[in-house]
Amino acid sequence: MPLPARILILADALAAMTDRRPYQREKNWGRALAEVSACAGTQFDPKLVRALAAKPYWLAESHAAAAGTKVVLQEEKRWLAYLDTFSHPAALYLRAVQQQRVRAAEEMLAEGPCGACCRGR
């Protein structure tokens, strides 16, 4: 199955779980992530689920882990540009999440990986 289709399947499932629906209450992000993790390998691409569940790189606690933030930020921006090519509502949901990731990484770069001690690194 093509990668765009696997991304949309995952995004659509997450949107269905985390948005209020007339027939069910919305789940919080943690419960939705646990549900898609349980179905990784059967309903969802396990690599996509692992990437989604991974600790965000901008929360890295060491200089070494944070040193690659600029490179990873470029990758996040490439994903954002890729998601711009879709008009499906689920892709719009993923795009909003991706925009938050990019903003958080940009803020981290602006203040330095550990705050004032390494600002501008």
Protein backbone atom coordinates (compact mmCIF):
# COMPACT_ATOMS: atom_id res chain seq x y z
CA MET A 1 0.00 0.00 0.00
CA PRO A 2 1.45 3.42 -0.89
CA LEU A 3 2.80 5.59 1.93
CA PRO A 4 0.23 8.40 1.42
CA ALA A 5 -2.59 5.87 1.85
CA ARG A 6 -1.05 4.48 5.05
CA ILE A 7 -0.65 8.00 6.43
CA LEU A 8 -4.27 8.85 5.64
CA ILE A 9 -5.55 5.65 7.24
CA LEU A 10 -3.71 6.46 10.47
CA ALA A 11 -4.72 10.13 10.42
CA ASP A 12 -8.35 9.30 9.73
CA ALA A 13 -8.45 6.83 12.62
CA LEU A 14 -6.85 9.35 14.99
CA ALA A 15 -9.25 12.08 13.90
CA ALA A 16 -12.21 9.74 14.42
CA MET A 17 -11.00 8.85 17.92
CA THR A 18 -10.04 12.34 19.12
CA ASP A 19 -12.90 14.39 17.63
CA ARG A 20 -16.35 14.51 19.20
CA ARG A 21 -18.80 12.35 17.27
CA PRO A 22 -22.59 12.07 17.70
CA TYR A 23 -22.24 8.38 18.51
CA GLN A 24 -19.24 8.52 20.88
CA ARG A 25 -17.23 10.85 23.10
CA GLU A 26 -13.77 11.86 21.98
CA LYS A 27 -10.75 10.08 23.42
CA ASN A 28 -7.74 11.95 24.74
CA TRP A 29 -4.52 11.76 22.73
CA GLY A 30 -2.97 9.13 25.04
CA ARG A 31 -5.90 6.71 24.74
CA ALA A 32 -6.06 7.18 20.96
CA LEU A 33 -2.32 6.55 20.65
CA ALA A 34 -2.63 3.42 22.81
CA GLU A 35 -5.42 2.14 20.58
CA VAL A 36 -3.51 2.64 17.32
CA SER A 37 -0.38 1.15 18.96
CA ALA A 38 -2.38 -1.98 19.81
CA CYS A 39 -3.36 -2.27 16.15
CA ALA A 40 0.11 -1.55 14.72
CA GLY A 41 1.01 -4.25 12.25
CA THR A 42 -2.59 -5.24 11.55
CA GLN A 43 -4.57 -2.08 10.80
CA PHE A 44 -1.77 0.50 10.83
CA ASP A 45 1.79 0.71 9.55
CA PRO A 46 3.97 -0.08 12.59
CA LYS A 47 6.73 2.32 11.45
CA LEU A 48 4.26 5.21 11.26
CA VAL A 49 2.81 4.35 14.68
CA ARG A 50 6.32 4.19 16.23
CA ALA A 51 7.21 7.55 14.68
CA LEU A 52 4.00 9.05 15.99
CA ALA A 53 4.56 7.68 19.50
CA ALA A 54 8.25 8.64 19.71
CA LYS A 55 9.32 11.27 22.23
CA PRO A 56 9.53 14.57 20.35
CA TYR A 57 13.16 15.39 19.59
CA TRP A 58 12.80 18.94 20.89
CA LEU A 59 12.30 17.58 24.40
CA ALA A 60 15.80 16.09 24.37
CA GLU A 61 17.57 16.56 27.69
CA SER A 62 21.15 16.71 26.48
CA HIS A 63 23.14 18.94 24.17
CA ALA A 64 24.17 15.93 22.10
CA ALA A 65 20.58 14.87 21.48
CA ALA A 66 19.50 18.43 20.75
CA ALA A 67 22.42 19.17 18.42
CA GLY A 68 20.60 17.64 15.44
CA THR A 69 17.48 19.76 15.92
CA LYS A 70 18.19 21.94 12.86
CA VAL A 71 18.49 18.88 10.62
CA VAL A 72 15.36 17.28 12.05
CA LEU A 73 13.48 20.58 11.77
CA GLN A 74 14.17 20.56 8.03
CA GLU A 75 12.74 17.02 7.84
CA GLU A 76 9.64 18.14 9.78
CA LYS A 77 9.19 21.02 7.32
CA ARG A 78 9.49 18.59 4.39
CA TRP A 79 6.72 16.46 5.93
CA LEU A 80 4.63 19.59 6.37
CA ALA A 81 5.10 20.49 2.69
CA TYR A 82 4.17 16.91 1.73
CA LEU A 83 0.98 17.08 3.80
CA ASP A 84 0.09 20.34 2.03
CA THR A 85 -0.52 18.30 -1.13
CA PHE A 86 -3.53 16.50 0.42
CA SER A 87 -7.02 17.91 0.88
CA HIS A 88 -8.53 14.97 2.79
CA PRO A 89 -9.84 16.05 6.25
CA ALA A 90 -7.59 13.50 7.96
CA ALA A 91 -4.54 14.98 6.25
CA LEU A 92 -5.61 18.42 7.44
CA TYR A 93 -5.65 17.04 10.99
CA LEU A 94 -2.13 15.63 10.60
CA ARG A 95 -1.00 18.94 9.09
CA ALA A 96 -2.18 20.79 12.20
CA VAL A 97 -0.24 18.38 14.41
CA GLN A 98 2.82 18.76 12.20
CA GLN A 99 2.58 22.56 12.40
CA GLN A 100 2.70 22.29 16.20
CA ARG A 101 5.82 20.12 16.00
CA VAL A 102 7.54 22.60 13.69
CA ARG A 103 6.63 25.56 15.93
CA ALA A 104 7.91 23.78 19.04
CA ALA A 105 11.21 22.94 17.35
CA GLU A 106 11.63 26.51 16.13
CA GLU A 107 10.99 27.83 19.64
CA MET A 108 13.56 25.43 21.06
CA LEU A 109 16.14 26.58 18.53
CA ALA A 110 15.41 30.21 19.40
CA GLU A 111 16.05 29.69 23.13
CA GLY A 112 18.72 26.97 22.92
CA PRO A 113 18.33 23.29 23.81
CA CYS A 114 18.66 23.86 27.55
CA GLY A 115 17.61 27.49 27.91
CA ALA A 116 19.88 30.45 28.58
CA CYS A 117 23.14 28.51 29.02
CA CYS A 118 23.41 27.63 25.35
CA ARG A 119 21.25 30.24 23.62
CA GLY A 120 22.21 30.71 19.97
CA ARG A 121 24.10 27.42 19.73
